[in-house]
């Protein structure tokens, strides 16, 4: 499937202060640049605010310049590294970054981006979907197995019942024949018609 990293929930960037991987914000994905921590309006009249306004001191960066594929897709990681190397030469990291995230590519690990979720939460959501799919598959398989066992049990019981009926009929015939023969022999003996031995 052809996708763009800009639409993927696994596109991550490292927070400079906490070192955690966080989602790439919508403004960055849309090409507005990486946010930086500006001096709050209440401190604009301080020396730090004046220095920042005059460009003497740049705003503190919130994120590192290098984006990361949370799933460590090799081609994407390689492209981000090339973008970082190119940015060192021409200082246009954001332009290289946008080129990489908007490039069409085939990726099996793509998952749609949901704003507000971290890459880790996207991974957990994907794992949960896979677990639910696995459980559904297991339940379906178990249901089919139980149905086949019930069918086999039904066939076995039907065959057993048929053989029991056949056995009863045969036993009934044998018992009836033995009873008839015994009664005939007894009748002959009682009447005295039974041949006597010499």
N, C-alpha and C. Protein backbone atom coordinates (compact mmCIF):
# COMPACT_ATOMS: atom_id res chain seq x y z
N UNK A 1 0.85 -1.16 0.00
CA UNK A 1 0.00 0.00 0.00
C UNK A 1 0.90 1.23 0.00
N UNK A 2 0.56 2.20 -0.82
CA UNK A 2 1.35 3.43 -0.93
C UNK A 2 0.82 4.45 0.07
N UNK A 3 1.71 4.94 0.93
CA UNK A 3 1.31 5.86 2.00
C UNK A 3 2.35 6.97 2.14
N UNK A 4 2.03 7.94 3.01
CA UNK A 4 2.98 9.01 3.34
C UNK A 4 3.22 8.99 4.84
N UNK A 5 4.45 9.24 5.24
CA UNK A 5 4.77 9.29 6.67
C UNK A 5 3.99 10.40 7.38
N UNK A 6 3.65 11.46 6.65
CA UNK A 6 2.90 12.57 7.25
C UNK A 6 1.54 12.13 7.76
N UNK A 7 1.02 11.03 7.24
CA UNK A 7 -0.29 10.52 7.66
C UNK A 7 -0.18 9.37 8.65
N UNK A 8 1.03 9.05 9.09
CA UNK A 8 1.26 7.86 9.92
C UNK A 8 1.34 8.22 11.40
N UNK A 9 0.76 7.38 12.23
CA UNK A 9 0.80 7.59 13.67
C UNK A 9 2.13 7.25 14.30
N UNK A 10 3.02 6.60 13.54
CA UNK A 10 4.32 6.22 14.09
C UNK A 10 5.41 7.26 13.81
N UNK A 11 5.05 8.37 13.16
CA UNK A 11 6.01 9.45 12.94
C UNK A 11 6.25 10.12 14.28
N UNK A 12 7.47 10.09 14.75
CA UNK A 12 7.78 10.57 16.10
C UNK A 12 8.92 11.57 16.07
N UNK A 13 9.00 12.33 17.13
CA UNK A 13 10.10 13.28 17.31
C UNK A 13 10.44 13.28 18.80
N UNK A 14 11.71 13.49 19.11
CA UNK A 14 12.14 13.41 20.50
C UNK A 14 12.05 14.77 21.18
N UNK A 15 11.44 14.80 22.36
CA UNK A 15 11.36 16.01 23.16
C UNK A 15 12.75 16.27 23.75
N UNK A 16 13.27 17.48 23.55
CA UNK A 16 14.63 17.80 24.02
C UNK A 16 14.75 17.73 25.53
N UNK A 17 13.71 18.09 26.24
CA UNK A 17 13.79 18.15 27.70
C UNK A 17 13.56 16.79 28.35
N UNK A 18 12.49 16.10 27.95
CA UNK A 18 12.14 14.83 28.60
C UNK A 18 12.76 13.61 27.93
N UNK A 19 13.24 13.77 26.69
CA UNK A 19 13.86 12.70 25.90
C UNK A 19 12.85 11.64 25.45
N UNK A 20 11.57 11.87 25.67
CA UNK A 20 10.58 10.89 25.23
C UNK A 20 10.21 11.14 23.77
N UNK A 21 9.76 10.06 23.11
CA UNK A 21 9.28 10.18 21.73
C UNK A 21 7.83 10.61 21.77
N UNK A 22 7.52 11.67 21.05
CA UNK A 22 6.16 12.20 21.04
C UNK A 22 5.68 12.31 19.60
N UNK A 23 4.39 12.55 19.44
CA UNK A 23 3.84 12.70 18.09
C UNK A 23 4.36 13.97 17.44
N UNK A 24 4.44 13.95 16.14
CA UNK A 24 4.79 15.16 15.39
C UNK A 24 3.49 15.94 15.23
N UNK A 25 3.51 17.18 15.68
CA UNK A 25 2.30 17.99 15.71
C UNK A 25 1.78 18.28 14.30
N UNK A 26 0.50 18.60 14.22
CA UNK A 26 -0.16 18.88 12.94
C UNK A 26 0.52 20.04 12.21
N UNK A 27 0.90 21.06 12.95
CA UNK A 27 1.54 22.23 12.32
C UNK A 27 2.85 21.82 11.64
N UNK A 28 3.59 20.92 12.25
CA UNK A 28 4.86 20.46 11.67
C UNK A 28 4.57 19.60 10.44
N UNK A 29 3.57 18.74 10.54
CA UNK A 29 3.21 17.88 9.41
C UNK A 29 2.72 18.72 8.22
N UNK A 30 2.10 19.86 8.50
CA UNK A 30 1.58 20.73 7.44
C UNK A 30 2.62 21.70 6.90
N UNK A 31 3.82 21.69 7.45
CA UNK A 31 4.90 22.51 6.91
C UNK A 31 5.12 23.84 7.58
N UNK A 32 4.59 24.03 8.78
CA UNK A 32 4.74 25.32 9.46
C UNK A 32 6.03 25.40 10.27
N UNK A 33 6.83 24.38 10.28
CA UNK A 33 8.09 24.42 11.01
C UNK A 33 7.97 23.83 12.40
N UNK A 34 9.14 23.59 12.99
CA UNK A 34 9.17 23.02 14.34
C UNK A 34 8.91 24.11 15.37
N UNK A 35 8.03 23.83 16.34
CA UNK A 35 7.76 24.86 17.35
C UNK A 35 8.96 25.03 18.28
N UNK A 36 9.11 26.24 18.80
CA UNK A 36 10.11 26.47 19.82
C UNK A 36 9.45 27.17 20.99
N UNK A 37 10.11 27.08 22.10
CA UNK A 37 9.54 27.64 23.31
C UNK A 37 9.86 29.13 23.33
N UNK A 38 8.84 29.93 23.14
CA UNK A 38 9.03 31.38 23.13
C UNK A 38 9.02 31.90 24.57
N UNK A 39 9.59 33.06 24.74
CA UNK A 39 9.54 33.70 26.06
C UNK A 39 8.09 34.11 26.30
N UNK A 40 7.52 33.77 27.47
CA UNK A 40 6.13 34.13 27.74
C UNK A 40 5.93 35.64 27.68
N UNK A 41 4.71 36.09 27.31
CA UNK A 41 4.44 37.54 27.21
C UNK A 41 4.78 38.30 28.48
N UNK A 42 4.61 37.66 29.63
CA UNK A 42 4.90 38.35 30.90
C UNK A 42 6.38 38.65 31.05
N UNK A 43 7.23 37.93 30.31
CA UNK A 43 8.67 38.13 30.43
C UNK A 43 9.27 38.82 29.21
N UNK A 44 8.43 39.35 28.32
CA UNK A 44 8.94 39.98 27.11
C UNK A 44 9.81 41.19 27.40
N UNK A 45 9.58 41.84 28.50
CA UNK A 45 10.35 43.05 28.82
C UNK A 45 11.61 42.74 29.61
N UNK A 46 11.84 41.47 29.87
CA UNK A 46 13.07 41.10 30.57
C UNK A 46 14.21 41.04 29.58
N UNK A 47 15.39 40.82 30.09
CA UNK A 47 16.58 40.74 29.23
C UNK A 47 16.44 39.56 28.27
N UNK A 48 15.95 38.42 28.76
CA UNK A 48 15.79 37.24 27.90
C UNK A 48 14.81 37.53 26.78
N UNK A 49 13.72 38.21 27.10
CA UNK A 49 12.73 38.55 26.08
C UNK A 49 13.30 39.50 25.05
N UNK A 50 14.05 40.48 25.50
CA UNK A 50 14.66 41.44 24.60
C UNK A 50 15.70 40.76 23.70
N UNK A 51 16.50 39.89 24.30
CA UNK A 51 17.51 39.17 23.51
C UNK A 51 16.85 38.31 22.44
N UNK A 52 15.76 37.66 22.79
CA UNK A 52 15.08 36.80 21.81
C UNK A 52 14.47 37.64 20.70
N UNK A 53 13.83 38.76 21.06
CA UNK A 53 13.21 39.62 20.05
C UNK A 53 14.24 40.20 19.10
N UNK A 54 15.38 40.52 19.60
CA UNK A 54 16.44 41.09 18.77
C UNK A 54 17.21 40.02 18.00
N UNK A 55 16.95 38.75 18.31
CA UNK A 55 17.62 37.66 17.61
C UNK A 55 19.00 37.35 18.16
N UNK A 56 19.33 37.93 19.30
CA UNK A 56 20.63 37.64 19.93
C UNK A 56 20.64 36.21 20.44
N UNK A 57 19.53 35.82 21.04
CA UNK A 57 19.38 34.45 21.55
C UNK A 57 18.17 33.86 20.85
N UNK A 58 18.34 32.70 20.28
CA UNK A 58 17.19 32.06 19.62
C UNK A 58 16.32 31.41 20.68
N UNK A 59 15.09 31.18 20.29
CA UNK A 59 14.15 30.53 21.20
C UNK A 59 14.63 29.12 21.50
N UNK A 60 14.31 28.67 22.69
CA UNK A 60 14.71 27.32 23.12
C UNK A 60 13.93 26.29 22.30
N UNK A 61 14.66 25.32 21.79
CA UNK A 61 14.01 24.28 20.99
C UNK A 61 13.26 23.32 21.91
N UNK A 62 12.08 22.90 21.47
CA UNK A 62 11.30 21.91 22.21
C UNK A 62 11.67 20.51 21.73
N UNK A 63 11.86 20.37 20.42
CA UNK A 63 12.11 19.06 19.83
C UNK A 63 13.47 19.02 19.14
N UNK A 64 14.01 17.82 19.06
CA UNK A 64 15.22 17.62 18.26
C UNK A 64 14.84 17.79 16.79
N UNK A 65 15.84 18.07 15.97
CA UNK A 65 15.57 18.28 14.54
C UNK A 65 15.31 16.99 13.78
N UNK A 66 15.73 15.88 14.32
CA UNK A 66 15.65 14.62 13.57
C UNK A 66 14.41 13.82 13.96
N UNK A 67 13.53 13.60 13.00
CA UNK A 67 12.33 12.78 13.25
C UNK A 67 12.71 11.31 13.21
N UNK A 68 11.84 10.48 13.76
CA UNK A 68 12.12 9.05 13.89
C UNK A 68 10.87 8.27 13.51
N UNK A 69 11.07 7.14 12.85
CA UNK A 69 9.96 6.20 12.65
C UNK A 69 9.92 5.32 13.89
N UNK A 70 8.84 5.39 14.65
CA UNK A 70 8.73 4.65 15.90
C UNK A 70 8.86 3.15 15.68
N UNK A 71 8.45 2.68 14.50
CA UNK A 71 8.53 1.25 14.19
C UNK A 71 9.87 0.87 13.58
N UNK A 72 10.76 1.84 13.47
CA UNK A 72 12.13 1.62 12.96
C UNK A 72 12.13 1.03 11.55
N UNK A 73 11.25 1.55 10.71
CA UNK A 73 11.23 1.13 9.30
C UNK A 73 12.56 1.57 8.68
N UNK A 74 13.37 0.62 8.18
CA UNK A 74 14.73 0.95 7.72
C UNK A 74 14.78 2.03 6.64
N UNK A 75 13.90 1.96 5.64
CA UNK A 75 13.98 2.95 4.56
C UNK A 75 13.66 4.35 5.06
N UNK A 76 12.71 4.47 5.97
CA UNK A 76 12.34 5.78 6.51
C UNK A 76 13.47 6.32 7.39
N UNK A 77 14.03 5.47 8.24
CA UNK A 77 15.14 5.89 9.10
C UNK A 77 16.31 6.37 8.26
N UNK A 78 16.58 5.66 7.18
CA UNK A 78 17.68 6.04 6.29
C UNK A 78 17.39 7.40 5.64
N UNK A 79 16.14 7.60 5.19
CA UNK A 79 15.77 8.88 4.57
C UNK A 79 15.88 10.04 5.56
N UNK A 80 15.46 9.81 6.81
CA UNK A 80 15.58 10.86 7.82
C UNK A 80 17.04 11.18 8.10
N UNK A 81 17.90 10.16 8.10
CA UNK A 81 19.32 10.39 8.32
C UNK A 81 19.92 11.20 7.17
N UNK A 82 19.53 10.87 5.94
CA UNK A 82 20.00 11.65 4.78
C UNK A 82 19.52 13.10 4.88
N UNK A 83 18.28 13.28 5.33
CA UNK A 83 17.74 14.64 5.49
C UNK A 83 18.54 15.40 6.53
N UNK A 84 18.89 14.74 7.64
CA UNK A 84 19.68 15.39 8.68
C UNK A 84 21.07 15.75 8.16
N UNK A 85 21.68 14.85 7.38
CA UNK A 85 23.00 15.13 6.81
C UNK A 85 22.94 16.31 5.84
N UNK A 86 21.90 16.34 5.01
CA UNK A 86 21.74 17.45 4.05
C UNK A 86 21.48 18.77 4.78
N UNK A 87 20.72 18.69 5.88
CA UNK A 87 20.39 19.90 6.64
C UNK A 87 21.62 20.51 7.29
N UNK A 88 22.61 19.68 7.63
CA UNK A 88 23.84 20.21 8.22
C UNK A 88 24.57 21.09 7.22
N UNK A 89 24.40 20.78 5.93
CA UNK A 89 25.08 21.56 4.88
C UNK A 89 24.34 22.86 4.58
N UNK A 90 23.02 22.77 4.41
CA UNK A 90 22.30 23.97 3.97
C UNK A 90 21.37 24.57 5.03
N UNK A 91 21.34 24.02 6.23
CA UNK A 91 20.55 24.53 7.35
C UNK A 91 19.04 24.58 7.05
N UNK A 92 18.57 23.72 6.16
CA UNK A 92 17.14 23.70 5.83
C UNK A 92 16.56 22.35 6.23
N UNK A 93 16.67 22.03 7.51
CA UNK A 93 16.20 20.71 7.95
C UNK A 93 14.71 20.55 7.69
N UNK A 94 13.93 21.58 7.98
CA UNK A 94 12.48 21.43 7.85
C UNK A 94 12.09 21.14 6.41
N UNK A 95 12.76 21.74 5.44
CA UNK A 95 12.47 21.45 4.03
C UNK A 95 12.78 20.01 3.69
N UNK A 96 13.92 19.51 4.16
CA UNK A 96 14.28 18.10 3.92
C UNK A 96 13.31 17.17 4.65
N UNK A 97 12.94 17.57 5.87
CA UNK A 97 12.00 16.78 6.67
C UNK A 97 10.67 16.66 5.94
N UNK A 98 10.15 17.78 5.42
CA UNK A 98 8.87 17.75 4.70
C UNK A 98 8.95 16.89 3.45
N UNK A 99 10.08 16.95 2.76
CA UNK A 99 10.25 16.11 1.57
C UNK A 99 10.14 14.64 1.95
N UNK A 100 10.79 14.25 3.06
CA UNK A 100 10.78 12.84 3.48
C UNK A 100 9.38 12.41 3.91
N UNK A 101 8.70 13.22 4.74
CA UNK A 101 7.40 12.76 5.26
C UNK A 101 6.29 12.81 4.22
N UNK A 102 6.46 13.59 3.16
CA UNK A 102 5.42 13.67 2.12
C UNK A 102 5.71 12.78 0.93
N UNK A 103 6.81 12.07 0.98
CA UNK A 103 7.17 11.16 -0.12
C UNK A 103 6.27 9.91 -0.08
N UNK A 104 5.75 9.53 -1.23
CA UNK A 104 4.93 8.31 -1.33
C UNK A 104 5.85 7.10 -1.20
N UNK A 105 5.46 6.14 -0.37
CA UNK A 105 6.28 4.94 -0.18
C UNK A 105 5.39 3.76 0.19
N UNK A 106 5.92 2.57 -0.02
CA UNK A 106 5.22 1.35 0.40
C UNK A 106 5.69 1.01 1.80
N UNK A 107 4.77 0.87 2.72
CA UNK A 107 5.13 0.58 4.11
C UNK A 107 4.08 -0.35 4.71
N UNK A 108 4.55 -1.49 5.19
CA UNK A 108 3.65 -2.47 5.82
C UNK A 108 3.31 -2.08 7.26
N UNK A 109 4.09 -1.18 7.85
CA UNK A 109 3.90 -0.83 9.26
C UNK A 109 3.05 0.42 9.47
N UNK A 110 2.54 0.97 8.39
CA UNK A 110 1.75 2.20 8.45
C UNK A 110 0.50 1.99 9.30
N UNK A 111 0.21 2.98 10.13
CA UNK A 111 -1.07 3.02 10.85
C UNK A 111 -1.56 4.46 10.81
N UNK A 112 -2.83 4.70 10.53
CA UNK A 112 -3.32 6.07 10.40
C UNK A 112 -3.09 6.89 11.68
N UNK A 113 -2.73 8.14 11.48
CA UNK A 113 -2.44 9.03 12.60
C UNK A 113 -3.73 9.52 13.23
N UNK A 114 -3.82 9.44 14.55
CA UNK A 114 -4.92 10.00 15.31
C UNK A 114 -4.32 11.11 16.17
N UNK A 115 -4.72 12.34 15.90
CA UNK A 115 -4.12 13.47 16.60
C UNK A 115 -4.35 13.34 18.10
N UNK A 116 -3.29 13.59 18.87
CA UNK A 116 -3.37 13.52 20.32
C UNK A 116 -2.82 12.24 20.89
N UNK A 117 -2.59 11.23 20.05
CA UNK A 117 -2.03 9.97 20.53
C UNK A 117 -0.54 9.93 20.22
N UNK A 118 0.24 9.45 21.18
CA UNK A 118 1.68 9.30 20.97
C UNK A 118 1.92 8.08 20.09
N UNK A 119 3.11 7.98 19.52
CA UNK A 119 3.42 6.78 18.74
C UNK A 119 3.26 5.50 19.56
N UNK A 120 3.61 5.57 20.84
CA UNK A 120 3.46 4.39 21.70
C UNK A 120 1.98 4.00 21.83
N UNK A 121 1.11 5.00 21.98
CA UNK A 121 -0.32 4.72 22.06
C UNK A 121 -0.85 4.16 20.75
N UNK A 122 -0.31 4.66 19.62
CA UNK A 122 -0.68 4.08 18.32
C UNK A 122 -0.27 2.61 18.28
N UNK A 123 0.92 2.30 18.79
CA UNK A 123 1.40 0.91 18.81
C UNK A 123 0.50 0.05 19.70
N UNK A 124 0.16 0.57 20.87
CA UNK A 124 -0.72 -0.18 21.78
C UNK A 124 -2.09 -0.40 21.14
N UNK A 125 -2.58 0.61 20.42
CA UNK A 125 -3.87 0.48 19.73
C UNK A 125 -3.79 -0.60 18.65
N UNK A 126 -2.67 -0.61 17.91
CA UNK A 126 -2.46 -1.63 16.88
C UNK A 126 -2.35 -3.02 17.51
N UNK A 127 -1.60 -3.11 18.62
CA UNK A 127 -1.48 -4.40 19.32
C UNK A 127 -2.84 -4.88 19.81
N UNK A 128 -3.64 -3.94 20.31
CA UNK A 128 -4.98 -4.30 20.79
C UNK A 128 -5.85 -4.82 19.65
N UNK A 129 -5.77 -4.16 18.48
CA UNK A 129 -6.53 -4.63 17.32
C UNK A 129 -6.09 -6.03 16.90
N UNK A 130 -4.76 -6.25 16.90
CA UNK A 130 -4.25 -7.56 16.53
C UNK A 130 -4.68 -8.62 17.54
N UNK A 131 -4.67 -8.26 18.83
CA UNK A 131 -5.10 -9.20 19.86
C UNK A 131 -6.58 -9.53 19.70
N UNK A 132 -7.39 -8.52 19.42
CA UNK A 132 -8.82 -8.77 19.22
C UNK A 132 -9.07 -9.63 17.99
N UNK A 133 -8.31 -9.37 16.92
CA UNK A 133 -8.44 -10.19 15.71
C UNK A 133 -8.03 -11.63 16.00
N UNK A 134 -6.95 -11.80 16.77
CA UNK A 134 -6.48 -13.15 17.13
C UNK A 134 -7.54 -13.86 17.99
N UNK A 135 -8.10 -13.14 18.96
CA UNK A 135 -9.13 -13.74 19.82
C UNK A 135 -10.36 -14.13 19.00
N UNK A 136 -10.76 -13.26 18.07
CA UNK A 136 -11.91 -13.58 17.22
C UNK A 136 -11.62 -14.81 16.38
N UNK A 137 -10.42 -14.87 15.82
CA UNK A 137 -10.03 -16.04 15.03
C UNK A 137 -10.06 -17.31 15.88
N UNK A 138 -9.54 -17.21 17.11
CA UNK A 138 -9.55 -18.37 18.01
C UNK A 138 -10.97 -18.78 18.36
N UNK A 139 -11.83 -17.80 18.65
CA UNK A 139 -13.22 -18.11 18.97
C UNK A 139 -13.93 -18.76 17.79
N UNK A 140 -13.70 -18.23 16.59
CA UNK A 140 -14.30 -18.82 15.39
C UNK A 140 -13.80 -20.24 15.18
N UNK A 141 -12.51 -20.44 15.35
CA UNK A 141 -11.92 -21.77 15.20
C UNK A 141 -12.49 -22.72 16.25
N UNK A 142 -12.59 -22.24 17.49
CA UNK A 142 -13.14 -23.07 18.57
C UNK A 142 -14.60 -23.40 18.30
N UNK A 143 -15.37 -22.43 17.82
CA UNK A 143 -16.78 -22.67 17.51
C UNK A 143 -16.92 -23.72 16.40
N UNK A 144 -16.10 -23.60 15.36
CA UNK A 144 -16.13 -24.58 14.27
C UNK A 144 -15.76 -25.97 14.79
N UNK A 145 -14.74 -26.03 15.65
CA UNK A 145 -14.33 -27.32 16.21
C UNK A 145 -15.46 -27.93 17.03
N UNK A 146 -16.11 -27.11 17.88
CA UNK A 146 -17.22 -27.62 18.69
C UNK A 146 -18.37 -28.09 17.82
N UNK A 147 -18.65 -27.36 16.73
CA UNK A 147 -19.71 -27.77 15.82
C UNK A 147 -19.37 -29.09 15.14
N UNK A 148 -18.11 -29.24 14.72
CA UNK A 148 -17.72 -30.51 14.08
C UNK A 148 -17.77 -31.65 15.08
N UNK A 149 -17.37 -31.38 16.34
CA UNK A 149 -17.44 -32.42 17.37
C UNK A 149 -18.89 -32.80 17.66
N UNK A 150 -19.76 -31.79 17.70
CA UNK A 150 -21.18 -32.07 17.94
C UNK A 150 -21.76 -32.89 16.78
N UNK A 151 -21.36 -32.57 15.55
CA UNK A 151 -21.83 -33.33 14.39
C UNK A 151 -21.33 -34.77 14.45
N UNK A 152 -20.04 -34.94 14.77
CA UNK A 152 -19.49 -36.29 14.88
C UNK A 152 -20.17 -37.07 16.00
N UNK A 153 -20.43 -36.39 17.13
CA UNK A 153 -21.11 -37.05 18.25
C UNK A 153 -22.52 -37.46 17.85
N UNK A 154 -23.23 -36.60 17.11
CA UNK A 154 -24.57 -36.92 16.65
C UNK A 154 -24.55 -38.15 15.75
N UNK A 155 -23.61 -38.18 14.79
CA UNK A 155 -23.51 -39.32 13.87
C UNK A 155 -23.19 -40.59 14.65
N UNK A 156 -22.25 -40.49 15.61
CA UNK A 156 -21.87 -41.67 16.40
C UNK A 156 -23.06 -42.18 17.20
N UNK A 157 -23.80 -41.28 17.87
CA UNK A 157 -24.96 -41.70 18.66
C UNK A 157 -26.06 -42.30 17.78
N UNK A 158 -26.27 -41.72 16.60
CA UNK A 158 -27.27 -42.26 15.68
C UNK A 158 -26.89 -43.67 15.24
N UNK A 159 -25.60 -43.86 14.89
CA UNK A 159 -25.14 -45.19 14.48
C UNK A 159 -25.24 -46.19 15.64
N UNK A 160 -24.86 -45.73 16.85
CA UNK A 160 -24.96 -46.60 18.03
C UNK A 160 -26.40 -47.02 18.28
N UNK A 161 -27.33 -46.08 18.16
CA UNK A 161 -28.75 -46.38 18.39
C UNK A 161 -29.25 -47.38 17.35
N UNK A 162 -28.81 -47.21 16.10
CA UNK A 162 -29.22 -48.15 15.05
C UNK A 162 -28.69 -49.55 15.36
N UNK A 163 -27.41 -49.64 15.75
CA UNK A 163 -26.85 -50.97 16.08
C UNK A 163 -27.53 -51.57 17.30
N UNK A 164 -27.88 -50.75 18.28
CA UNK A 164 -28.60 -51.27 19.46
C UNK A 164 -29.96 -51.85 19.04
N UNK A 165 -30.66 -51.14 18.15
CA UNK A 165 -31.95 -51.66 17.67
C UNK A 165 -31.75 -52.98 16.93
N UNK A 166 -30.73 -53.04 16.07
CA UNK A 166 -30.46 -54.29 15.34
C UNK A 166 -30.15 -55.41 16.31
N UNK A 167 -29.32 -55.12 17.34
CA UNK A 167 -28.99 -56.14 18.34
C UNK A 167 -30.24 -56.61 19.07
N UNK A 168 -31.12 -55.66 19.44
CA UNK A 168 -32.35 -56.05 20.13
C UNK A 168 -33.25 -56.91 19.25
N UNK A 169 -33.36 -56.55 17.97
CA UNK A 169 -34.19 -57.35 17.06
C UNK A 169 -33.60 -58.74 16.91
N UNK A 170 -32.29 -58.83 16.69
CA UNK A 170 -31.64 -60.15 16.53
C UNK A 170 -31.81 -60.96 17.81
N UNK A 171 -31.57 -60.34 18.97
CA UNK A 171 -31.73 -61.06 20.24
C UNK A 171 -33.18 -61.49 20.43
N UNK A 172 -34.11 -60.61 20.06
CA UNK A 172 -35.53 -60.97 20.17
C UNK A 172 -35.87 -62.17 19.30
N UNK A 173 -35.34 -62.19 18.06
CA UNK A 173 -35.59 -63.31 17.15
C UNK A 173 -34.99 -64.59 17.73
N UNK A 174 -33.73 -64.50 18.20
CA UNK A 174 -33.06 -65.69 18.75
C UNK A 174 -33.82 -66.21 19.97
N UNK A 175 -34.18 -65.30 20.89
CA UNK A 175 -34.90 -65.72 22.10
C UNK A 175 -36.25 -66.32 21.71
N UNK A 176 -36.93 -65.72 20.74
CA UNK A 176 -38.22 -66.26 20.30
C UNK A 176 -38.04 -67.65 19.71
N UNK A 177 -37.03 -67.83 18.84
CA UNK A 177 -36.78 -69.15 18.25
C UNK A 177 -36.45 -70.18 19.32
N UNK A 178 -35.58 -69.80 20.26
CA UNK A 178 -35.21 -70.74 21.34
C UNK A 178 -36.46 -71.09 22.15
N UNK A 179 -37.28 -70.10 22.45
CA UNK A 179 -38.50 -70.35 23.23
C UNK A 179 -39.45 -71.27 22.46
N UNK A 180 -39.62 -71.01 21.17
CA UNK A 180 -40.51 -71.85 20.35
C UNK A 180 -39.98 -73.28 20.30
N UNK A 181 -38.68 -73.42 20.02
CA UNK A 181 -38.09 -74.77 19.94
C UNK A 181 -38.22 -75.47 21.29
N UNK A 182 -37.95 -74.77 22.38
CA UNK A 182 -38.06 -75.37 23.71
C UNK A 182 -39.50 -75.79 23.99
N UNK A 183 -40.45 -74.95 23.66
CA UNK A 183 -41.87 -75.31 23.87
C UNK A 183 -42.28 -76.52 23.03
N UNK A 184 -41.79 -76.57 21.80
CA UNK A 184 -42.12 -77.71 20.94
C UNK A 184 -41.54 -78.99 21.53
N UNK A 185 -40.28 -78.92 21.94
CA UNK A 185 -39.62 -80.11 22.51
C UNK A 185 -40.35 -80.52 23.79
N UNK A 186 -40.68 -79.54 24.64
CA UNK A 186 -41.38 -79.86 25.89
C UNK A 186 -42.76 -80.48 25.59
N UNK A 187 -43.43 -79.98 24.59
CA UNK A 187 -44.74 -80.52 24.22
C UNK A 187 -44.61 -81.96 23.74
N UNK A 188 -43.60 -82.23 22.94
CA UNK A 188 -43.38 -83.60 22.48
C UNK A 188 -43.09 -84.51 23.67
N UNK A 189 -42.26 -84.05 24.58
CA UNK A 189 -41.90 -84.89 25.74
C UNK A 189 -43.14 -85.13 26.59
N UNK A 190 -43.95 -84.14 26.79
CA UNK A 190 -45.12 -84.27 27.64
C UNK A 190 -46.15 -85.21 27.01
N UNK A 191 -46.32 -85.19 25.75
CA UNK A 191 -47.28 -86.08 25.09
C UNK A 191 -46.72 -87.47 24.94
N UNK A 192 -45.48 -87.60 25.09
CA UNK A 192 -44.85 -88.90 24.94
C UNK A 192 -44.50 -89.21 23.51
N UNK A 193 -44.53 -88.28 22.66
CA UNK A 193 -44.21 -88.50 21.27
C UNK A 193 -42.70 -88.42 21.01
N UNK A 194 -41.99 -88.12 22.02
CA UNK A 194 -40.53 -87.97 21.84
C UNK A 194 -39.94 -89.34 21.65
N UNK A 195 -39.12 -89.58 20.66
CA UNK A 195 -38.54 -90.91 20.44
C UNK A 195 -37.74 -91.34 21.66
N UNK A 196 -37.92 -92.61 22.04
CA UNK A 196 -37.23 -93.15 23.21
C UNK A 196 -35.97 -93.84 22.77
N UNK A 197 -35.00 -93.78 23.58
CA UNK A 197 -33.74 -94.44 23.24
C UNK A 197 -33.78 -95.87 23.74
N UNK A 198 -33.13 -96.82 23.08
CA UNK A 198 -33.15 -98.24 23.42
C UNK A 198 -32.19 -98.56 24.47
